C-alpha atoms as a PDB file:
ATOM      1  CA  MET A   1       4.782  -3.141  18.561  1.00  0.00           C
ATOM      2  CA  ALA A   2       3.213  -0.242  16.699  1.00  0.00           C
ATOM      3  CA  ASP A   3      -0.485   0.267  17.404  1.00  0.00           C
ATOM      4  CA  PRO A   4      -2.546   0.753  14.198  1.00  0.00           C
ATOM      5  CA  LYS A   5      -5.608   1.999  16.073  1.00  0.00           C
ATOM      6  CA  GLY A   6      -6.575   5.442  14.804  1.00  0.00           C
ATOM      7  CA  LYS A   7      -3.909   5.332  12.083  1.00  0.00           C
ATOM      8  CA  ARG A   8      -4.762   6.165   8.497  1.00  0.00           C
ATOM      9  CA  VAL A   9      -3.734   3.388   6.084  1.00  0.00           C
ATOM     10  CA  LEU A  10      -3.984   3.335   2.294  1.00  0.00           C
ATOM     11  CA  ILE A  11      -3.951   0.025   0.430  1.00  0.00           C
ATOM     12  CA  THR A  12      -3.669  -0.100  -3.353  1.00  0.00           C
ATOM     13  CA  GLY A  13      -5.443  -2.969  -5.086  1.00  0.00           C
ATOM     14  CA  GLY A  14      -7.675  -3.043  -2.022  1.00  0.00           C
ATOM     15  CA  ALA A  15     -10.882  -4.232  -3.685  1.00  0.00           C
ATOM     16  CA  ASN A  16     -10.060  -7.931  -3.497  1.00  0.00           C
ATOM     17  CA  GLY A  17      -7.432 -10.580  -2.787  1.00  0.00           C
ATOM     18  CA  ILE A  18      -4.484  -9.731  -0.556  1.00  0.00           C
ATOM     19  CA  GLY A  19      -5.392  -6.043  -0.549  1.00  0.00           C
ATOM     20  CA  LEU A  20      -8.903  -6.551   0.805  1.00  0.00           C
ATOM     21  CA  CYS A  21      -7.758  -9.138   3.350  1.00  0.00           C
ATOM     22  CA  THR A  22      -5.076  -6.752   4.591  1.00  0.00           C
ATOM     23  CA  ALA A  23      -7.644  -3.937   4.793  1.00  0.00           C
ATOM     24  CA  GLU A  24      -9.884  -6.172   6.904  1.00  0.00           C
ATOM     25  CA  GLU A  25      -7.079  -6.721   9.407  1.00  0.00           C
ATOM     26  CA  PHE A  26      -6.409  -3.005   9.785  1.00  0.00           C
ATOM     27  CA  ALA A  27     -10.126  -2.233   9.978  1.00  0.00           C
ATOM     28  CA  LYS A  28     -10.580  -4.750  12.808  1.00  0.00           C
ATOM     29  CA  ALA A  29      -7.676  -3.086  14.628  1.00  0.00           C
ATOM     30  CA  GLY A  30      -9.411   0.296  14.533  1.00  0.00           C
ATOM     31  CA  ALA A  31      -7.504   1.933  11.691  1.00  0.00           C
ATOM     32  CA  GLU A  32      -9.056   4.359   9.227  1.00  0.00           C
ATOM     33  CA  VAL A  33      -8.791   2.539   5.898  1.00  0.00           C
ATOM     34  CA  ILE A  34      -8.464   3.934   2.385  1.00  0.00           C
ATOM     35  CA  ILE A  35      -8.736   1.343  -0.382  1.00  0.00           C
ATOM     36  CA  THR A  36      -7.999   2.147  -4.014  1.00  0.00           C
ATOM     37  CA  ASP A  37      -8.512   0.155  -7.182  1.00  0.00           C
ATOM     38  CA  ILE A  38      -9.372   0.713 -10.854  1.00  0.00           C
ATOM     39  CA  ASN A  39     -12.790  -0.965 -10.625  1.00  0.00           C
ATOM     40  CA  GLN A  40     -15.534   1.128  -9.033  1.00  0.00           C
ATOM     41  CA  SER A  41     -18.049  -1.696  -8.521  1.00  0.00           C
ATOM     42  CA  SER A  42     -15.457  -3.932  -6.855  1.00  0.00           C
ATOM     43  CA  LEU A  43     -14.413  -1.032  -4.634  1.00  0.00           C
ATOM     44  CA  ASP A  44     -18.019  -0.397  -3.600  1.00  0.00           C
ATOM     45  CA  GLU A  45     -18.486  -4.062  -2.660  1.00  0.00           C
ATOM     46  CA  ALA A  46     -15.238  -4.132  -0.688  1.00  0.00           C
ATOM     47  CA  ALA A  47     -16.088  -0.901   1.129  1.00  0.00           C
ATOM     48  CA  SER A  48     -19.486  -2.335   2.123  1.00  0.00           C
ATOM     49  CA  VAL A  49     -17.809  -5.426   3.572  1.00  0.00           C
ATOM     50  CA  LEU A  50     -15.385  -3.308   5.592  1.00  0.00           C
ATOM     51  CA  ARG A  51     -18.038  -0.859   6.812  1.00  0.00           C
ATOM     52  CA  ALA A  52     -20.229  -3.737   7.982  1.00  0.00           C
ATOM     53  CA  SER A  53     -17.692  -4.294  10.760  1.00  0.00           C
ATOM     54  CA  GLY A  54     -17.989  -0.658  11.837  1.00  0.00           C
ATOM     55  CA  ALA A  55     -14.764   0.503  10.222  1.00  0.00           C
ATOM     56  CA  LYS A  56     -14.186   3.991   8.861  1.00  0.00           C
ATOM     57  CA  VAL A  57     -13.505   3.386   5.169  1.00  0.00           C
ATOM     58  CA  HIS A  58     -12.802   5.501   2.096  1.00  0.00           C
ATOM     59  CA  ALA A  59     -12.868   3.983  -1.392  1.00  0.00           C
ATOM     60  CA  ARG A  60     -11.243   5.817  -4.307  1.00  0.00           C
ATOM     61  CA  VAL A  61     -10.774   4.810  -7.926  1.00  0.00           C
ATOM     62  CA  CYS A  62      -7.129   5.252  -8.897  1.00  0.00           C
ATOM     63  CA  ASP A  63      -4.968   3.846 -11.683  1.00  0.00           C
ATOM     64  CA  VAL A  64      -1.602   3.323  -9.991  1.00  0.00           C
ATOM     65  CA  SER A  65       0.211   3.651 -13.325  1.00  0.00           C
ATOM     66  CA  ASP A  66      -1.141   7.195 -13.780  1.00  0.00           C
ATOM     67  CA  ARG A  67       1.135   9.592 -11.895  1.00  0.00           C
ATOM     68  CA  ASP A  68      -1.354  12.460 -12.111  1.00  0.00           C
ATOM     69  CA  GLN A  69      -4.126  10.362 -10.536  1.00  0.00           C
ATOM     70  CA  VAL A  70      -1.832   9.258  -7.720  1.00  0.00           C
ATOM     71  CA  GLU A  71      -0.691  12.808  -6.970  1.00  0.00           C
ATOM     72  CA  LYS A  72      -4.321  13.987  -6.873  1.00  0.00           C
ATOM     73  CA  LEU A  73      -5.089  11.116  -4.498  1.00  0.00           C
ATOM     74  CA  ALA A  74      -2.217  12.161  -2.222  1.00  0.00           C
ATOM     75  CA  ALA A  75      -3.410  15.766  -2.237  1.00  0.00           C
ATOM     76  CA  TRP A  76      -6.927  14.629  -1.310  1.00  0.00           C
ATOM     77  CA  VAL A  77      -5.647  12.467   1.547  1.00  0.00           C
ATOM     78  CA  ASP A  78      -3.556  15.353   2.864  1.00  0.00           C
ATOM     79  CA  ASP A  79      -6.161  18.082   2.457  1.00  0.00           C
ATOM     80  CA  GLU A  80      -9.330  16.204   3.381  1.00  0.00           C
ATOM     81  CA  LEU A  81      -8.143  13.545   5.810  1.00  0.00           C
ATOM     82  CA  GLY A  82      -5.058  15.089   7.349  1.00  0.00           C
ATOM     83  CA  GLY A  83      -2.313  12.949   5.847  1.00  0.00           C
ATOM     84  CA  LEU A  84      -1.315   9.309   5.697  1.00  0.00           C
ATOM     85  CA  ASP A  85       0.325   7.107   8.322  1.00  0.00           C
ATOM     86  CA  ILE A  86       0.732   3.814   6.463  1.00  0.00           C
ATOM     87  CA  LEU A  87       1.038   3.214   2.714  1.00  0.00           C
ATOM     88  CA  ILE A  88       0.721  -0.341   1.389  1.00  0.00           C
ATOM     89  CA  ASN A  89       1.686  -0.743  -2.275  1.00  0.00           C
ATOM     90  CA  ASN A  90      -0.123  -3.978  -3.066  1.00  0.00           C
ATOM     91  CA  ALA A  91      -1.663  -3.481  -6.525  1.00  0.00           C
ATOM     92  CA  GLY A  92      -0.075  -5.523  -9.285  1.00  0.00           C
ATOM     93  CA  ILE A  93      -0.635  -7.558 -12.420  1.00  0.00           C
ATOM     94  CA  GLY A  94       0.778 -10.924 -13.458  1.00  0.00           C
ATOM     95  CA  TYR A  95       2.194 -12.263 -16.678  1.00  0.00           C
ATOM     96  CA  ASN A  96       3.358 -15.692 -17.789  1.00  0.00           C
ATOM     97  CA  GLY A  97       5.359 -16.169 -20.984  1.00  0.00           C
ATOM     98  CA  GLU A  98       8.829 -16.787 -22.310  1.00  0.00           C
ATOM     99  CA  LEU A  99      11.073 -13.731 -22.566  1.00  0.00           C
ATOM    100  CA  ALA A 100      11.661 -14.061 -26.314  1.00  0.00           C
ATOM    101  CA  GLU A 101       7.909 -13.925 -26.863  1.00  0.00           C
ATOM    102  CA  THR A 102       7.214 -11.076 -24.427  1.00  0.00           C
ATOM    103  CA  SER A 103       6.341  -7.900 -26.310  1.00  0.00           C
ATOM    104  CA  LEU A 104       7.742  -4.518 -25.359  1.00  0.00           C
ATOM    105  CA  GLU A 105       4.157  -3.405 -24.793  1.00  0.00           C
ATOM    106  CA  THR A 106       3.770  -6.126 -22.164  1.00  0.00           C
ATOM    107  CA  TRP A 107       7.046  -5.073 -20.541  1.00  0.00           C
ATOM    108  CA  ARG A 108       5.814  -1.483 -20.440  1.00  0.00           C
ATOM    109  CA  LYS A 109       2.540  -2.478 -18.763  1.00  0.00           C
ATOM    110  CA  LEU A 110       4.338  -4.577 -16.149  1.00  0.00           C
ATOM    111  CA  VAL A 111       6.764  -1.760 -15.406  1.00  0.00           C
ATOM    112  CA  ASP A 112       4.003   0.864 -15.288  1.00  0.00           C
ATOM    113  CA  VAL A 113       1.821  -1.068 -12.841  1.00  0.00           C
ATOM    114  CA  ASN A 114       4.217  -3.216 -10.793  1.00  0.00           C
ATOM    115  CA  LEU A 115       7.132  -0.787 -10.479  1.00  0.00           C
ATOM    116  CA  MET A 116       6.093   2.745 -11.388  1.00  0.00           C
ATOM    117  CA  GLY A 117       2.792   2.324  -9.527  1.00  0.00           C
ATOM    118  CA  PRO A 118       4.538   1.892  -6.160  1.00  0.00           C
ATOM    119  CA  LEU A 119       7.085   4.586  -7.055  1.00  0.00           C
ATOM    120  CA  HIS A 120       4.304   7.040  -7.899  1.00  0.00           C
ATOM    121  CA  HIS A 121       2.804   6.452  -4.460  1.00  0.00           C
ATOM    122  CA  VAL A 122       6.088   6.599  -2.571  1.00  0.00           C
ATOM    123  CA  TYR A 123       7.080   9.914  -4.134  1.00  0.00           C
ATOM    124  CA  ALA A 124       3.565  11.325  -3.688  1.00  0.00           C
ATOM    125  CA  PHE A 125       3.176  10.392  -0.014  1.00  0.00           C
ATOM    126  CA  LEU A 126       6.758  10.451   1.281  1.00  0.00           C
ATOM    127  CA  PRO A 127       6.892  14.281   1.572  1.00  0.00           C
ATOM    128  CA  GLN A 128       3.817  14.187   3.857  1.00  0.00           C
ATOM    129  CA  MET A 129       5.489  11.604   6.065  1.00  0.00           C
ATOM    130  CA  GLU A 130       8.777  13.512   6.122  1.00  0.00           C
ATOM    131  CA  GLN A 131       6.985  16.682   7.126  1.00  0.00           C
ATOM    132  CA  ARG A 132       5.325  14.939  10.083  1.00  0.00           C
ATOM    133  CA  GLY A 133       8.445  12.946  10.940  1.00  0.00           C
ATOM    134  CA  SER A 134       6.729   9.562  10.870  1.00  0.00           C
ATOM    135  CA  GLY A 135       5.186   7.018   8.542  1.00  0.00           C
ATOM    136  CA  HIS A 136       5.363   3.466   7.289  1.00  0.00           C
ATOM    137  CA  ILE A 137       5.640   2.263   3.678  1.00  0.00           C
ATOM    138  CA  VAL A 138       4.989  -1.348   2.642  1.00  0.00           C
ATOM    139  CA  ASN A 139       5.976  -2.598  -0.814  1.00  0.00           C
ATOM    140  CA  VAL A 140       4.704  -5.998  -1.952  1.00  0.00           C
ATOM    141  CA  SER A 141       7.270  -7.711  -4.172  1.00  0.00           C
ATOM    142  CA  SER A 142       7.200 -11.462  -4.946  1.00  0.00           C
ATOM    143  CA  GLY A 143       8.798 -14.682  -3.749  1.00  0.00           C
ATOM    144  CA  GLN A 144       9.830 -15.272  -7.347  1.00  0.00           C
ATOM    145  CA  ALA A 145      12.682 -12.906  -6.559  1.00  0.00           C
ATOM    146  CA  PHE A 146      14.309 -15.995  -5.008  1.00  0.00           C
ATOM    147  CA  PHE A 147      13.197 -18.690  -7.458  1.00  0.00           C
ATOM    148  CA  ARG A 148      13.308 -16.835 -10.834  1.00  0.00           C
ATOM    149  CA  LEU A 149      11.287 -19.373 -12.759  1.00  0.00           C
ATOM    150  CA  PRO A 150      11.498 -19.623 -16.547  1.00  0.00           C
ATOM    151  CA  THR A 151       8.305 -18.341 -18.265  1.00  0.00           C
ATOM    152  CA  TRP A 152       7.870 -15.814 -15.432  1.00  0.00           C
ATOM    153  CA  GLY A 153      10.943 -13.758 -16.359  1.00  0.00           C
ATOM    154  CA  ALA A 154       9.351 -10.413 -17.191  1.00  0.00           C
ATOM    155  CA  TYR A 155       7.124 -10.410 -14.115  1.00  0.00           C
ATOM    156  CA  THR A 156       9.975 -11.535 -11.865  1.00  0.00           C
ATOM    157  CA  THR A 157      12.419  -8.957 -13.231  1.00  0.00           C
ATOM    158  CA  VAL A 158      10.073  -6.089 -12.415  1.00  0.00           C
ATOM    159  CA  LYS A 159       9.200  -7.444  -8.976  1.00  0.00           C
ATOM    160  CA  ILE A 160      12.891  -7.881  -8.136  1.00  0.00           C
ATOM    161  CA  ALA A 161      13.441  -4.234  -9.063  1.00  0.00           C
ATOM    162  CA  LEU A 162      10.674  -3.218  -6.656  1.00  0.00           C
ATOM    163  CA  GLY A 163      12.177  -5.348  -3.889  1.00  0.00           C
ATOM    164  CA  VAL A 164      15.636  -3.804  -4.339  1.00  0.00           C
ATOM    165  CA  PHE A 165      14.180  -0.278  -4.363  1.00  0.00           C
ATOM    166  CA  SER A 166      12.184  -1.000  -1.219  1.00  0.00           C
ATOM    167  CA  GLU A 167      15.010  -2.590   0.765  1.00  0.00           C
ATOM    168  CA  ILE A 168      17.381   0.290  -0.001  1.00  0.00           C
ATOM    169  CA  LEU A 169      14.675   2.858   0.768  1.00  0.00           C
ATOM    170  CA  HIS A 170      14.382   1.366   4.256  1.00  0.00           C
ATOM    171  CA  TYR A 171      17.924   2.440   5.144  1.00  0.00           C
ATOM    172  CA  GLU A 172      17.695   5.851   3.506  1.00  0.00           C
ATOM    173  CA  VAL A 173      14.523   7.071   5.243  1.00  0.00           C
ATOM    174  CA  LYS A 174      14.805   5.453   8.675  1.00  0.00           C
ATOM    175  CA  LYS A 175      16.801   8.469   9.878  1.00  0.00           C
ATOM    176  CA  ARG A 176      13.595  10.469   9.351  1.00  0.00           C
ATOM    177  CA  ASN A 177      11.608   8.012  11.497  1.00  0.00           C
ATOM    178  CA  ILE A 178       9.926   6.456   8.458  1.00  0.00           C
ATOM    179  CA  LYS A 179       9.693   2.669   8.345  1.00  0.00           C
ATOM    180  CA  VAL A 180       9.789   0.577   5.164  1.00  0.00           C
ATOM    181  CA  THR A 181       8.751  -3.066   4.966  1.00  0.00           C
ATOM    182  CA  THR A 182       9.385  -5.217   1.889  1.00  0.00           C
ATOM    183  CA  VAL A 183       7.000  -8.157   1.559  1.00  0.00           C
ATOM    184  CA  TYR A 184       7.760 -11.251  -0.525  1.00  0.00           C
ATOM    185  CA  PRO A 185       4.585 -13.344  -0.854  1.00  0.00           C
ATOM    186  CA  PHE A 186       4.867 -16.931  -2.032  1.00  0.00           C
ATOM    187  CA  MET A 187       2.191 -18.212  -4.441  1.00  0.00           C
ATOM    188  CA  VAL A 188      -1.195 -16.911  -3.257  1.00  0.00           C
ATOM    189  CA  ASN A 189      -4.500 -18.481  -4.269  1.00  0.00           C
ATOM    190  CA  THR A 190      -6.297 -15.403  -5.624  1.00  0.00           C
ATOM    191  CA  GLY A 191      -7.778 -14.233  -8.924  1.00  0.00           C
ATOM    192  CA  PHE A 192      -4.264 -13.029  -9.778  1.00  0.00           C
ATOM    193  CA  TYR A 193      -3.609 -16.364 -11.511  1.00  0.00           C
ATOM    194  CA  GLN A 194      -7.014 -16.817 -13.172  1.00  0.00           C
ATOM    195  CA  GLY A 195      -5.733 -15.707 -16.554  1.00  0.00           C
ATOM    196  CA  VAL A 196      -2.660 -17.950 -16.401  1.00  0.00           C
ATOM    197  CA  LYS A 197      -3.553 -21.170 -18.222  1.00  0.00           C
ATOM    198  CA  GLY A 198      -0.084 -22.470 -19.058  1.00  0.00           C
ATOM    199  CA  GLU A 199       1.012 -23.875 -22.403  1.00  0.00           C
ATOM    200  CA  THR A 200       2.803 -27.007 -21.199  1.00  0.00           C
ATOM    201  CA  LEU A 201       1.638 -29.953 -19.133  1.00  0.00           C
ATOM    202  CA  GLY A 202       3.824 -28.819 -16.224  1.00  0.00           C
ATOM    203  CA  ALA A 203       2.495 -25.270 -16.352  1.00  0.00           C
ATOM    204  CA  LYS A 204      -1.120 -26.427 -16.552  1.00  0.00           C
ATOM    205  CA  LEU A 205      -0.591 -28.836 -13.662  1.00  0.00           C
ATOM    206  CA  SER A 206       1.048 -26.141 -11.507  1.00  0.00           C
ATOM    207  CA  MET A 207      -2.025 -23.926 -11.930  1.00  0.00           C
ATOM    208  CA  LYS A 208      -4.406 -26.845 -11.343  1.00  0.00           C
ATOM    209  CA  LEU A 209      -2.701 -27.721  -8.068  1.00  0.00           C
ATOM    210  CA  LEU A 210      -2.318 -24.089  -6.948  1.00  0.00           C
ATOM    211  CA  PRO A 211      -4.787 -24.430  -4.021  1.00  0.00           C
ATOM    212  CA  LEU A 212      -2.665 -27.237  -2.574  1.00  0.00           C
ATOM    213  CA  TYR A 213       0.663 -25.429  -2.292  1.00  0.00           C
ATOM    214  CA  SER A 214      -0.252 -21.752  -2.186  1.00  0.00           C
ATOM    215  CA  ASN A 215      -1.091 -19.434   0.698  1.00  0.00           C
ATOM    216  CA  ARG A 216      -4.609 -18.127   1.210  1.00  0.00           C
ATOM    217  CA  PRO A 217      -5.015 -14.336   0.800  1.00  0.00           C
ATOM    218  CA  GLU A 218      -6.475 -14.174   4.313  1.00  0.00           C
ATOM    219  CA  THR A 219      -3.249 -15.654   5.662  1.00  0.00           C
ATOM    220  CA  VAL A 220      -1.086 -13.198   3.744  1.00  0.00           C
ATOM    221  CA  GLY A 221      -3.254 -10.273   4.869  1.00  0.00           C
ATOM    222  CA  LYS A 222      -2.695 -11.251   8.501  1.00  0.00           C
ATOM    223  CA  ILE A 223       1.052 -11.631   7.906  1.00  0.00           C
ATOM    224  CA  ILE A 224       1.331  -8.178   6.324  1.00  0.00           C
ATOM    225  CA  PHE A 225      -0.652  -6.679   9.208  1.00  0.00           C
ATOM    226  CA  ARG A 226       1.660  -8.297  11.777  1.00  0.00           C
ATOM    227  CA  ALA A 227       4.738  -7.197   9.823  1.00  0.00           C
ATOM    228  CA  VAL A 228       3.574  -3.577  10.034  1.00  0.00           C
ATOM    229  CA  ARG A 229       2.830  -3.888  13.746  1.00  0.00           C
ATOM    230  CA  LYS A 230       6.291  -5.358  14.344  1.00  0.00           C
ATOM    231  CA  GLU A 231       7.861  -2.771  12.010  1.00  0.00           C
ATOM    232  CA  LYS A 232       9.753  -5.514  10.189  1.00  0.00           C
ATOM    233  CA  ARG A 233      12.269  -4.595   7.514  1.00  0.00           C
ATOM    234  CA  VAL A 234      11.569  -7.689   5.412  1.00  0.00           C
ATOM    235  CA  GLU A 235       8.656 -10.121   5.559  1.00  0.00           C
ATOM    236  CA  MET A 236       9.287 -13.411   3.737  1.00  0.00           C
ATOM    237  CA  VAL A 237       5.698 -14.678   4.285  1.00  0.00           C
ATOM    238  CA  ASN A 238       6.467 -18.358   3.597  1.00  0.00           C
ATOM    239  CA  VAL A 239       9.347 -20.579   4.745  1.00  0.00           C
ATOM    240  CA  LEU A 240       9.808 -21.695   1.127  1.00  0.00           C
ATOM    241  CA  ASN A 241      10.948 -18.163   0.315  1.00  0.00           C
ATOM    242  CA  ASP A 242      13.557 -18.414   3.065  1.00  0.00           C
ATOM    243  CA  LEU A 243      14.749 -21.700   1.585  1.00  0.00           C
ATOM    244  CA  GLY A 244      14.791 -20.252  -1.924  1.00  0.00           C
ATOM    245  CA  ASN A 245      16.821 -17.288  -0.725  1.00  0.00           C
ATOM    246  CA  LEU A 246      19.345 -19.531   1.050  1.00  0.00           C
ATOM    247  CA  ALA A 247      19.545 -21.867  -1.943  1.00  0.00           C
ATOM    248  CA  ARG A 248      20.785 -19.045  -4.146  1.00  0.00           C
ATOM    249  CA  ALA A 249      23.995 -18.984  -2.099  1.00  0.00           C
ATOM    250  CA  VAL A 250      24.682 -22.672  -2.747  1.00  0.00           C
ATOM    251  CA  PRO A 251      26.694 -23.404  -5.923  1.00  0.00           C
ATOM    252  CA  LEU A 252      24.800 -25.227  -8.691  1.00  0.00           C
ATOM    253  CA  VAL A 253      21.447 -25.183  -6.869  1.00  0.00           C
ATOM    254  CA  PRO A 254      19.955 -22.079  -8.588  1.00  0.00           C
ATOM    255  CA  GLY A 255      20.943 -23.463 -11.982  1.00  0.00           C
ATOM    256  CA  ALA A 256      19.446 -26.860 -11.172  1.00  0.00           C
ATOM    257  CA  ILE A 257      16.169 -25.272 -10.083  1.00  0.00           C
ATOM    258  CA  SER A 258      15.989 -23.192 -13.268  1.00  0.00           C
ATOM    259  CA  THR A 259      16.834 -26.218 -15.448  1.00  0.00           C
ATOM    260  CA  ILE A 260      14.124 -28.348 -13.872  1.00  0.00           C
ATOM    261  CA  THR A 261      11.458 -25.640 -13.963  1.00  0.00           C
ATOM    262  CA  ASN A 262      12.390 -24.753 -17.538  1.00  0.00           C
ATOM    263  CA  TRP A 263      11.854 -28.399 -18.510  1.00  0.00           C
ATOM    264  CA  LEU A 264       8.482 -28.394 -16.757  1.00  0.00           C
ATOM    265  CA  LEU A 265       7.186 -24.955 -17.744  1.00  0.00           C
ATOM    266  CA  ALA A 266       8.795 -23.851 -21.019  1.00  0.00           C
ATOM    267  CA  LYS A 267       7.750 -24.885 -24.509  1.00  0.00           C
ATOM    268  CA  LYS A 268       9.869 -27.312 -26.495  1.00  0.00           C
ATOM    269  CA  GLU A 269      12.016 -26.133 -29.383  1.00  0.00           C
ATOM    270  CA  GLY A 270       9.886 -24.990 -32.275  1.00  0.00           C
ATOM    271  CA  GLY A 271       7.214 -23.493 -30.023  1.00  0.00           C
ATOM    272  CA  VAL A 272       5.355 -26.749 -29.422  1.00  0.00           C
ATOM    273  CA  ALA A 273       3.914 -27.203 -25.949  1.00  0.00           C
ATOM    274  CA  ALA A 274       5.231 -30.208 -24.044  1.00  0.00           C
END
């Protein structure tokens, strides 16, 4: 197992949810933690929580979709701190809506944050890791890569793209002693879903019952931490993701799942909620 003690780890979206819980795990293990987010007040609160345990913490405001901000962040980490050991691309936004009603502006925002954000960080920090001959990159995709639920199409498409990028990157950079872990969380009970109300009875019920079938962010934070320690190539997080992945190889099953979830989640013809 890799020992995170004394390592420098940067976690995007680290002010709350999975990001903060992951930061807490690394802080407890003796790592030097850098958390970034777009909200200064949330960052300050998170940094106070982490420092209360005696951890060495840096909090920086950074919009992951802004390449210039990310490159300046990487330069600061290299010049002021001495480089980065572990990069965790966790920041992301959600979106729920049928594809035909998803605007190009929404697509652009999802791509900018959920795909280009991680890419900005990988291309900003990878040269530092290559120069030192070591490093670890973690990209947080989504378990919806295996379920592909109607009304989540735009979000899922972008997250699948990130997962494919990350899994291929693993093979291309391992010859330089750089590890890459792709994480596929299942549903996680965080503020990520607060803005998702759902337009149908099935969608509303799925959000109402979220605490019953989702993972807690603390659990996912621990899983990500262990995945880095074990230098895993892929972390599926929840056994349901394993089942969803296997089910895609069984004829008719993926179509049946999509048909059922479309009936539950999508609006009826004419745009009327079920």
